[in-house]
Amino acid sequence: MKKKLTLAILLAATGTAAIAGPIEEQIRFRQSAYSFAAWNVQKIKNQVVDHPETYNKDTVAAAANAIAAVANSGLAHSMVKVQTKVLAG
């Protein structure tokens, strides 16, 4: 339950920043989303590669779902908007 709540808060904050925040705030939210995704990738790597004896299907599936949520949150699209805005002046 905590994981779902954390993910929901993160995605809501990221979406809000992408709509109406200054560029620095958007960057900060985007970096936090990428850190969250990296943390989940590390969880999968620890169970699948580093310590396969601790493999737990449910934990790996939950981490993969969290990564998918971040990937499907529109971060890449908002990044293109920010870069275009910065380059335009």
PDB file of N, CA and C in Angstrom:
ATOM      1  N   MET A   1       0.821  -1.192   0.000  1.00  0.00           N
ATOM      2  CA  MET A   1       0.000   0.000   0.000  1.00  0.00           C
ATOM      3  C   MET A   1       0.865   1.256   0.000  1.00  0.00           C
ATOM      4  N   LYS A   2       1.959   1.262   0.786  1.00  0.00           N
ATOM      5  CA  LYS A   2       2.837   2.423   0.830  1.00  0.00           C
ATOM      6  C   LYS A   2       3.452   2.698  -0.536  1.00  0.00           C
ATOM      7  N   LYS A   3       3.810   1.618  -1.251  1.00  0.00           N
ATOM      8  CA  LYS A   3       4.429   1.787  -2.565  1.00  0.00           C
ATOM      9  C   LYS A   3       3.463   2.450  -3.531  1.00  0.00           C
ATOM     10  N   LYS A   4       2.204   2.032  -3.502  1.00  0.00           N
ATOM     11  CA  LYS A   4       1.205   2.604  -4.399  1.00  0.00           C
ATOM     12  C   LYS A   4       0.963   4.070  -4.064  1.00  0.00           C
ATOM     13  N   LEU A   5       0.907   4.394  -2.780  1.00  0.00           N
ATOM     14  CA  LEU A   5       0.701   5.768  -2.357  1.00  0.00           C
ATOM     15  C   LEU A   5       1.879   6.637  -2.765  1.00  0.00           C
ATOM     16  N   THR A   6       3.092   6.144  -2.556  1.00  0.00           N
ATOM     17  CA  THR A   6       4.287   6.880  -2.946  1.00  0.00           C
ATOM     18  C   THR A   6       4.297   7.133  -4.443  1.00  0.00           C
ATOM     19  N   LEU A   7       3.985   6.114  -5.205  1.00  0.00           N
ATOM     20  CA  LEU A   7       3.955   6.252  -6.660  1.00  0.00           C
ATOM     21  C   LEU A   7       2.883   7.250  -7.089  1.00  0.00           C
ATOM     22  N   ALA A   8       1.717   7.181  -6.492  1.00  0.00           N
ATOM     23  CA  ALA A   8       0.635   8.095  -6.852  1.00  0.00           C
ATOM     24  C   ALA A   8       1.023   9.539  -6.554  1.00  0.00           C
ATOM     25  N   ILE A   9       1.647   9.772  -5.410  1.00  0.00           N
ATOM     26  CA  ILE A   9       2.077  11.124  -5.043  1.00  0.00           C
ATOM     27  C   ILE A   9       3.144  11.616  -6.011  1.00  0.00           C
ATOM     28  N   LEU A  10       4.100  10.752  -6.322  1.00  0.00           N
ATOM     29  CA  LEU A  10       5.176  11.127  -7.237  1.00  0.00           C
ATOM     30  C   LEU A  10       4.636  11.480  -8.612  1.00  0.00           C
ATOM     31  N   LEU A  11       3.756  10.655  -9.138  1.00  0.00           N
ATOM     32  CA  LEU A  11       3.212  10.911 -10.473  1.00  0.00           C
ATOM     33  C   LEU A  11       2.333  12.162 -10.492  1.00  0.00           C
ATOM     34  N   ALA A  12       1.570  12.374  -9.436  1.00  0.00           N
ATOM     35  CA  ALA A  12       0.736  13.574  -9.370  1.00  0.00           C
ATOM     36  C   ALA A  12       1.600  14.830  -9.310  1.00  0.00           C
ATOM     37  N   ALA A  13       2.647  14.785  -8.510  1.00  0.00           N
ATOM     38  CA  ALA A  13       3.546  15.937  -8.402  1.00  0.00           C
ATOM     39  C   ALA A  13       4.259  16.194  -9.719  1.00  0.00           C
ATOM     40  N   THR A  14       4.695  15.136 -10.371  1.00  0.00           N
ATOM     41  CA  THR A  14       5.389  15.287 -11.648  1.00  0.00           C
ATOM     42  C   THR A  14       4.461  15.874 -12.693  1.00  0.00           C
ATOM     43  N   GLY A  15       3.248  15.379 -12.757  1.00  0.00           N
ATOM     44  CA  GLY A  15       2.286  15.901 -13.726  1.00  0.00           C
ATOM     45  C   GLY A  15       1.953  17.353 -13.465  1.00  0.00           C
ATOM     46  N   THR A  16       1.802  17.726 -12.218  1.00  0.00           N
ATOM     47  CA  THR A  16       1.501  19.105 -11.864  1.00  0.00           C
ATOM     48  C   THR A  16       2.647  20.025 -12.245  1.00  0.00           C
ATOM     49  N   ALA A  17       3.873  19.608 -11.972  1.00  0.00           N
ATOM     50  CA  ALA A  17       5.033  20.439 -12.297  1.00  0.00           C
ATOM     51  C   ALA A  17       5.178  20.610 -13.803  1.00  0.00           C
ATOM     52  N   ALA A  18       4.878  19.558 -14.546  1.00  0.00           N
ATOM     53  CA  ALA A  18       5.014  19.633 -16.000  1.00  0.00           C
ATOM     54  C   ALA A  18       4.003  20.607 -16.594  1.00  0.00           C
ATOM     55  N   ILE A  19       2.890  20.817 -15.910  1.00  0.00           N
ATOM     56  CA  ILE A  19       1.857  21.700 -16.436  1.00  0.00           C
ATOM     57  C   ILE A  19       2.156  23.170 -16.126  1.00  0.00           C
ATOM     58  N   ALA A  20       2.525  23.472 -14.880  1.00  0.00           N
ATOM     59  CA  ALA A  20       2.566  24.887 -14.516  1.00  0.00           C
ATOM     60  C   ALA A  20       3.708  25.273 -13.596  1.00  0.00           C
ATOM     61  N   GLY A  21       4.869  24.681 -13.723  1.00  0.00           N
ATOM     62  CA  GLY A  21       5.952  25.062 -12.835  1.00  0.00           C
ATOM     63  C   GLY A  21       7.089  25.700 -13.585  1.00  0.00           C
ATOM     64  N   PRO A  22       7.929  26.435 -12.854  1.00  0.00           N
ATOM     65  CA  PRO A  22       9.123  26.965 -13.500  1.00  0.00           C
ATOM     66  C   PRO A  22      10.042  25.816 -13.928  1.00  0.00           C
ATOM     67  N   ILE A  23      10.918  26.105 -14.829  1.00  0.00           N
ATOM     68  CA  ILE A  23      11.770  25.058 -15.401  1.00  0.00           C
ATOM     69  C   ILE A  23      12.572  24.335 -14.328  1.00  0.00           C
ATOM     70  N   GLU A  24      13.120  25.055 -13.361  1.00  0.00           N
ATOM     71  CA  GLU A  24      13.918  24.416 -12.309  1.00  0.00           C
ATOM     72  C   GLU A  24      13.093  23.418 -11.519  1.00  0.00           C
ATOM     73  N   GLU A  25      11.848  23.768 -11.253  1.00  0.00           N
ATOM     74  CA  GLU A  25      10.969  22.865 -10.505  1.00  0.00           C
ATOM     75  C   GLU A  25      10.644  21.626 -11.329  1.00  0.00           C
ATOM     76  N   GLN A  26      10.425  21.816 -12.618  1.00  0.00           N
ATOM     77  CA  GLN A  26      10.162  20.681 -13.496  1.00  0.00           C
ATOM     78  C   GLN A  26      11.367  19.737 -13.519  1.00  0.00           C
ATOM     79  N   ILE A  27      12.546  20.304 -13.575  1.00  0.00           N
ATOM     80  CA  ILE A  27      13.761  19.489 -13.581  1.00  0.00           C
ATOM     81  C   ILE A  27      13.881  18.707 -12.281  1.00  0.00           C
ATOM     82  N   ARG A  28      13.599  19.363 -11.169  1.00  0.00           N
ATOM     83  CA  ARG A  28      13.688  18.697  -9.867  1.00  0.00           C
ATOM     84  C   ARG A  28      12.698  17.534  -9.769  1.00  0.00           C
ATOM     85  N   PHE A  29      11.473  17.745 -10.202  1.00  0.00           N
ATOM     86  CA  PHE A  29      10.482  16.673 -10.169  1.00  0.00           C
ATOM     87  C   PHE A  29      10.874  15.533 -11.102  1.00  0.00           C
ATOM     88  N   ARG A  30      11.377  15.887 -12.278  1.00  0.00           N
ATOM     89  CA  ARG A  30      11.785  14.855 -13.233  1.00  0.00           C
ATOM     90  C   ARG A  30      12.943  14.034 -12.668  1.00  0.00           C
ATOM     91  N   GLN A  31      13.902  14.710 -12.039  1.00  0.00           N
ATOM     92  CA  GLN A  31      15.023  13.988 -11.448  1.00  0.00           C
ATOM     93  C   GLN A  31      14.557  13.065 -10.332  1.00  0.00           C
ATOM     94  N   SER A  32      13.572  13.483  -9.560  1.00  0.00           N
ATOM     95  CA  SER A  32      13.069  12.615  -8.501  1.00  0.00           C
ATOM     96  C   SER A  32      12.369  11.394  -9.089  1.00  0.00           C
ATOM     97  N   ALA A  33      11.674  11.578 -10.200  1.00  0.00           N
ATOM     98  CA  ALA A  33      11.019  10.437 -10.848  1.00  0.00           C
ATOM     99  C   ALA A  33      12.050   9.454 -11.382  1.00  0.00           C
ATOM    100  N   TYR A  34      13.119   9.981 -11.986  1.00  0.00           N
ATOM    101  CA  TYR A  34      14.172   9.095 -12.490  1.00  0.00           C
ATOM    102  C   TYR A  34      14.898   8.388 -11.341  1.00  0.00           C
ATOM    103  N   SER A  35      15.092   9.073 -10.221  1.00  0.00           N
ATOM    104  CA  SER A  35      15.705   8.431  -9.057  1.00  0.00           C
ATOM    105  C   SER A  35      14.823   7.308  -8.528  1.00  0.00           C
ATOM    106  N   PHE A  36      13.526   7.557  -8.521  1.00  0.00           N
ATOM    107  CA  PHE A  36      12.563   6.540  -8.085  1.00  0.00           C
ATOM    108  C   PHE A  36      12.629   5.317  -9.003  1.00  0.00           C
ATOM    109  N   ALA A  37      12.692   5.563 -10.315  1.00  0.00           N
ATOM    110  CA  ALA A  37      12.799   4.456 -11.273  1.00  0.00           C
ATOM    111  C   ALA A  37      14.113   3.710 -11.081  1.00  0.00           C
ATOM    112  N   ALA A  38      15.209   4.433 -10.888  1.00  0.00           N
ATOM    113  CA  ALA A  38      16.519   3.796 -10.690  1.00  0.00           C
ATOM    114  C   ALA A  38      16.525   2.948  -9.416  1.00  0.00           C
ATOM    115  N   TRP A  39      15.867   3.423  -8.372  1.00  0.00           N
ATOM    116  CA  TRP A  39      15.788   2.669  -7.126  1.00  0.00           C
ATOM    117  C   TRP A  39      15.064   1.345  -7.358  1.00  0.00           C
ATOM    118  N   ASN A  40      14.010   1.378  -8.160  1.00  0.00           N
ATOM    119  CA  ASN A  40      13.274   0.152  -8.462  1.00  0.00           C
ATOM    120  C   ASN A  40      14.074  -0.780  -9.370  1.00  0.00           C
ATOM    121  N   VAL A  41      14.831  -0.231 -10.310  1.00  0.00           N
ATOM    122  CA  VAL A  41      15.706  -1.060 -11.145  1.00  0.00           C
ATOM    123  C   VAL A  41      16.735  -1.768 -10.263  1.00  0.00           C
ATOM    124  N   GLN A  42      17.273  -1.041  -9.291  1.00  0.00           N
ATOM    125  CA  GLN A  42      18.251  -1.640  -8.375  1.00  0.00           C
ATOM    126  C   GLN A  42      17.621  -2.767  -7.554  1.00  0.00           C
ATOM    127  N   LYS A  43      16.364  -2.604  -7.147  1.00  0.00           N
ATOM    128  CA  LYS A  43      15.668  -3.662  -6.412  1.00  0.00           C
ATOM    129  C   LYS A  43      15.571  -4.922  -7.258  1.00  0.00           C
ATOM    130  N   ILE A  44      15.255  -4.764  -8.537  1.00  0.00           N
ATOM    131  CA  ILE A  44      15.152  -5.922  -9.434  1.00  0.00           C
ATOM    132  C   ILE A  44      16.530  -6.555  -9.614  1.00  0.00           C
ATOM    133  N   LYS A  45      17.541  -5.728  -9.856  1.00  0.00           N
ATOM    134  CA  LYS A  45      18.899  -6.244 -10.065  1.00  0.00           C
ATOM    135  C   LYS A  45      19.386  -7.017  -8.841  1.00  0.00           C
ATOM    136  N   ASN A  46      19.112  -6.489  -7.660  1.00  0.00           N
ATOM    137  CA  ASN A  46      19.553  -7.180  -6.445  1.00  0.00           C
ATOM    138  C   ASN A  46      18.950  -8.574  -6.337  1.00  0.00           C
ATOM    139  N   GLN A  47      17.693  -8.721  -6.715  1.00  0.00           N
ATOM    140  CA  GLN A  47      17.040 -10.017  -6.577  1.00  0.00           C
ATOM    141  C   GLN A  47      17.307 -10.960  -7.738  1.00  0.00           C
ATOM    142  N   VAL A  48      17.477 -10.411  -8.928  1.00  0.00           N
ATOM    143  CA  VAL A  48      17.621 -11.274 -10.099  1.00  0.00           C
ATOM    144  C   VAL A  48      19.076 -11.580 -10.416  1.00  0.00           C
ATOM    145  N   VAL A  49      19.950 -10.597 -10.304  1.00  0.00           N
ATOM    146  CA  VAL A  49      21.345 -10.761 -10.713  1.00  0.00           C
ATOM    147  C   VAL A  49      22.264 -11.010  -9.522  1.00  0.00           C
ATOM    148  N   ASP A  50      22.223 -10.108  -8.553  1.00  0.00           N
ATOM    149  CA  ASP A  50      23.187 -10.165  -7.445  1.00  0.00           C
ATOM    150  C   ASP A  50      22.910 -11.288  -6.447  1.00  0.00           C
ATOM    151  N   HIS A  51      21.651 -11.462  -6.089  1.00  0.00           N
ATOM    152  CA  HIS A  51      21.280 -12.457  -5.078  1.00  0.00           C
ATOM    153  C   HIS A  51      20.044 -13.235  -5.538  1.00  0.00           C
ATOM    154  N   PRO A  52      20.200 -14.092  -6.539  1.00  0.00           N
ATOM    155  CA  PRO A  52      19.022 -14.801  -7.064  1.00  0.00           C
ATOM    156  C   PRO A  52      18.341 -15.702  -6.033  1.00  0.00           C
ATOM    157  N   GLU A  53      19.040 -16.057  -4.979  1.00  0.00           N
ATOM    158  CA  GLU A  53      18.429 -16.900  -3.943  1.00  0.00           C
ATOM    159  C   GLU A  53      17.344 -16.146  -3.170  1.00  0.00           C
ATOM    160  N   THR A  54      17.340 -14.799  -3.256  1.00  0.00           N
ATOM    161  CA  THR A  54      16.326 -14.000  -2.566  1.00  0.00           C
ATOM    162  C   THR A  54      15.183 -13.594  -3.487  1.00  0.00           C
ATOM    163  N   TYR A  55      15.143 -14.153  -4.687  1.00  0.00           N
ATOM    164  CA  TYR A  55      14.142 -13.767  -5.693  1.00  0.00           C
ATOM    165  C   TYR A  55      12.722 -13.918  -5.153  1.00  0.00           C
ATOM    166  N   ASN A  56      11.945 -12.853  -5.312  1.00  0.00           N
ATOM    167  CA  ASN A  56      10.543 -12.860  -4.926  1.00  0.00           C
ATOM    168  C   ASN A  56       9.753 -12.273  -6.104  1.00  0.00           C
ATOM    169  N   LYS A  57       8.952 -13.102  -6.719  1.00  0.00           N
ATOM    170  CA  LYS A  57       8.213 -12.715  -7.926  1.00  0.00           C
ATOM    171  C   LYS A  57       7.363 -11.472  -7.689  1.00  0.00           C
ATOM    172  N   ASP A  58       6.695 -11.383  -6.558  1.00  0.00           N
ATOM    173  CA  ASP A  58       5.809 -10.255  -6.283  1.00  0.00           C
ATOM    174  C   ASP A  58       6.580  -8.944  -6.139  1.00  0.00           C
ATOM    175  N   THR A  59       7.730  -8.999  -5.488  1.00  0.00           N
ATOM    176  CA  THR A  59       8.554  -7.800  -5.313  1.00  0.00           C
ATOM    177  C   THR A  59       9.082  -7.306  -6.658  1.00  0.00           C
ATOM    178  N   VAL A  60       9.543  -8.230  -7.483  1.00  0.00           N
ATOM    179  CA  VAL A  60      10.060  -7.863  -8.804  1.00  0.00           C
ATOM    180  C   VAL A  60       8.934  -7.300  -9.672  1.00  0.00           C
ATOM    181  N   ALA A  61       7.762  -7.907  -9.614  1.00  0.00           N
ATOM    182  CA  ALA A  61       6.627  -7.414 -10.397  1.00  0.00           C
ATOM    183  C   ALA A  61       6.211  -6.017  -9.939  1.00  0.00           C
ATOM    184  N   ALA A  62       6.203  -5.782  -8.637  1.00  0.00           N
ATOM    185  CA  ALA A  62       5.842  -4.458  -8.119  1.00  0.00           C
ATOM    186  C   ALA A  62       6.851  -3.405  -8.566  1.00  0.00           C
ATOM    187  N   ALA A  63       8.130  -3.747  -8.518  1.00  0.00           N
ATOM    188  CA  ALA A  63       9.160  -2.809  -8.965  1.00  0.00           C
ATOM    189  C   ALA A  63       9.032  -2.535 -10.460  1.00  0.00           C
ATOM    190  N   ALA A  64       8.761  -3.568 -11.239  1.00  0.00           N
ATOM    191  CA  ALA A  64       8.590  -3.394 -12.685  1.00  0.00           C
ATOM    192  C   ALA A  64       7.373  -2.521 -12.989  1.00  0.00           C
ATOM    193  N   ASN A  65       6.295  -2.688 -12.245  1.00  0.00           N
ATOM    194  CA  ASN A  65       5.107  -1.861 -12.440  1.00  0.00           C
ATOM    195  C   ASN A  65       5.383  -0.401 -12.090  1.00  0.00           C
ATOM    196  N   ALA A  66       6.183  -0.162 -11.051  1.00  0.00           N
ATOM    197  CA  ALA A  66       6.545   1.204 -10.683  1.00  0.00           C
ATOM    198  C   ALA A  66       7.385   1.854 -11.782  1.00  0.00           C
ATOM    199  N   ILE A  67       8.312   1.083 -12.357  1.00  0.00           N
ATOM    200  CA  ILE A  67       9.136   1.600 -13.457  1.00  0.00           C
ATOM    201  C   ILE A  67       8.254   1.917 -14.660  1.00  0.00           C
ATOM    202  N   ALA A  68       7.317   1.045 -14.955  1.00  0.00           N
ATOM    203  CA  ALA A  68       6.412   1.270 -16.085  1.00  0.00           C
ATOM    204  C   ALA A  68       5.567   2.525 -15.863  1.00  0.00           C
ATOM    205  N   ALA A  69       5.132   2.754 -14.642  1.00  0.00           N
ATOM    206  CA  ALA A  69       4.333   3.947 -14.341  1.00  0.00           C
ATOM    207  C   ALA A  69       5.134   5.221 -14.593  1.00  0.00           C
ATOM    208  N   VAL A  70       6.392   5.215 -14.171  1.00  0.00           N
ATOM    209  CA  VAL A  70       7.245   6.377 -14.409  1.00  0.00           C
ATOM    210  C   VAL A  70       7.487   6.549 -15.907  1.00  0.00           C
ATOM    211  N   ALA A  71       7.734   5.445 -16.588  1.00  0.00           N
ATOM    212  CA  ALA A  71       8.002   5.511 -18.023  1.00  0.00           C
ATOM    213  C   ALA A  71       6.791   6.004 -18.805  1.00  0.00           C
ATOM    214  N   ASN A  72       5.602   5.675 -18.345  1.00  0.00           N
ATOM    215  CA  ASN A  72       4.380   6.068 -19.041  1.00  0.00           C
ATOM    216  C   ASN A  72       3.776   7.375 -18.526  1.00  0.00           C
ATOM    217  N   SER A  73       4.500   8.075 -17.666  1.00  0.00           N
ATOM    218  CA  SER A  73       3.957   9.287 -17.053  1.00  0.00           C
ATOM    219  C   SER A  73       4.081  10.525 -17.928  1.00  0.00           C
ATOM    220  N   GLY A  74       4.758  10.427 -19.060  1.00  0.00           N
ATOM    221  CA  GLY A  74       4.893  11.576 -19.944  1.00  0.00           C
ATOM    222  C   GLY A  74       6.126  12.410 -19.668  1.00  0.00           C
ATOM    223  N   LEU A  75       7.055  11.903 -18.902  1.00  0.00           N
ATOM    224  CA  LEU A  75       8.260  12.666 -18.586  1.00  0.00           C
ATOM    225  C   LEU A  75       9.072  13.001 -19.829  1.00  0.00           C
ATOM    226  N   ALA A  76       9.192  12.066 -20.732  1.00  0.00           N
ATOM    227  CA  ALA A  76       9.988  12.318 -21.935  1.00  0.00           C
ATOM    228  C   ALA A  76       9.356  13.434 -22.751  1.00  0.00           C
ATOM    229  N   HIS A  77       8.048  13.445 -22.844  1.00  0.00           N
ATOM    230  CA  HIS A  77       7.353  14.483 -23.608  1.00  0.00           C
ATOM    231  C   HIS A  77       7.543  15.848 -22.957  1.00  0.00           C
ATOM    232  N   SER A  78       7.448  15.908 -21.626  1.00  0.00           N
ATOM    233  CA  SER A  78       7.628  17.192 -20.946  1.00  0.00           C
ATOM    234  C   SER A  78       9.072  17.663 -21.055  1.00  0.00           C
ATOM    235  N   MET A  79      10.020  16.733 -21.123  1.00  0.00           N
ATOM    236  CA  MET A  79      11.423  17.109 -21.253  1.00  0.00           C
ATOM    237  C   MET A  79      11.664  17.794 -22.595  1.00  0.00           C
ATOM    238  N   VAL A  80      11.052  17.313 -23.636  1.00  0.00           N
ATOM    239  CA  VAL A  80      11.201  17.920 -24.958  1.00  0.00           C
ATOM    240  C   VAL A  80      10.652  19.348 -24.925  1.00  0.00           C
ATOM    241  N   LYS A  81       9.535  19.560 -24.259  1.00  0.00           N
ATOM    242  CA  LYS A  81       8.963  20.901 -24.150  1.00  0.00           C
ATOM    243  C   LYS A  81       9.920  21.843 -23.435  1.00  0.00           C
ATOM    244  N   VAL A  82      10.511  21.380 -22.325  1.00  0.00           N
ATOM    245  CA  VAL A  82      11.426  22.216 -21.559  1.00  0.00           C
ATOM    246  C   VAL A  82      12.658  22.543 -22.386  1.00  0.00           C
ATOM    247  N   GLN A  83      13.240  21.546 -23.058  1.00  0.00           N
ATOM    248  CA  GLN A  83      14.429  21.783 -23.857  1.00  0.00           C
ATOM    249  C   GLN A  83      14.141  22.750 -24.987  1.00  0.00           C
ATOM    250  N   THR A  84      13.005  22.623 -25.621  1.00  0.00           N
ATOM    251  CA  THR A  84      12.626  23.536 -26.691  1.00  0.00           C
ATOM    252  C   THR A  84      12.490  24.956 -26.159  1.00  0.00           C
ATOM    253  N   LYS A  85      11.884  25.100 -24.985  1.00  0.00           N
ATOM    254  CA  LYS A  85      11.689  26.402 -24.366  1.00  0.00           C
ATOM    255  C   LYS A  85      13.044  27.034 -24.019  1.00  0.00           C
ATOM    256  N   VAL A  86      13.955  26.241 -23.473  1.00  0.00           N
ATOM    257  CA  VAL A  86      15.272  26.739 -23.091  1.00  0.00           C
ATOM    258  C   VAL A  86      16.053  27.168 -24.324  1.00  0.00           C
ATOM    259  N   LEU A  87      16.029  26.359 -25.355  1.00  0.00           N
ATOM    260  CA  LEU A  87      16.771  26.664 -26.576  1.00  0.00           C
ATOM    261  C   LEU A  87      16.191  27.885 -27.296  1.00  0.00           C
ATOM    262  N   ALA A  88      14.899  28.084 -27.175  1.00  0.00           N
ATOM    263  CA  ALA A  88      14.255  29.210 -27.852  1.00  0.00           C
ATOM    264  C   ALA A  88      14.575  30.536 -27.156  1.00  0.00           C
ATOM    265  N   GLY A  89      15.038  30.441 -25.939  1.00  0.00           N
ATOM    266  CA  GLY A  89      15.418  31.685 -25.257  1.00  0.00           C
ATOM    267  C   GLY A  89      14.511  31.926 -24.145  1.00  0.00           C
TER     268      GLY A  89
END
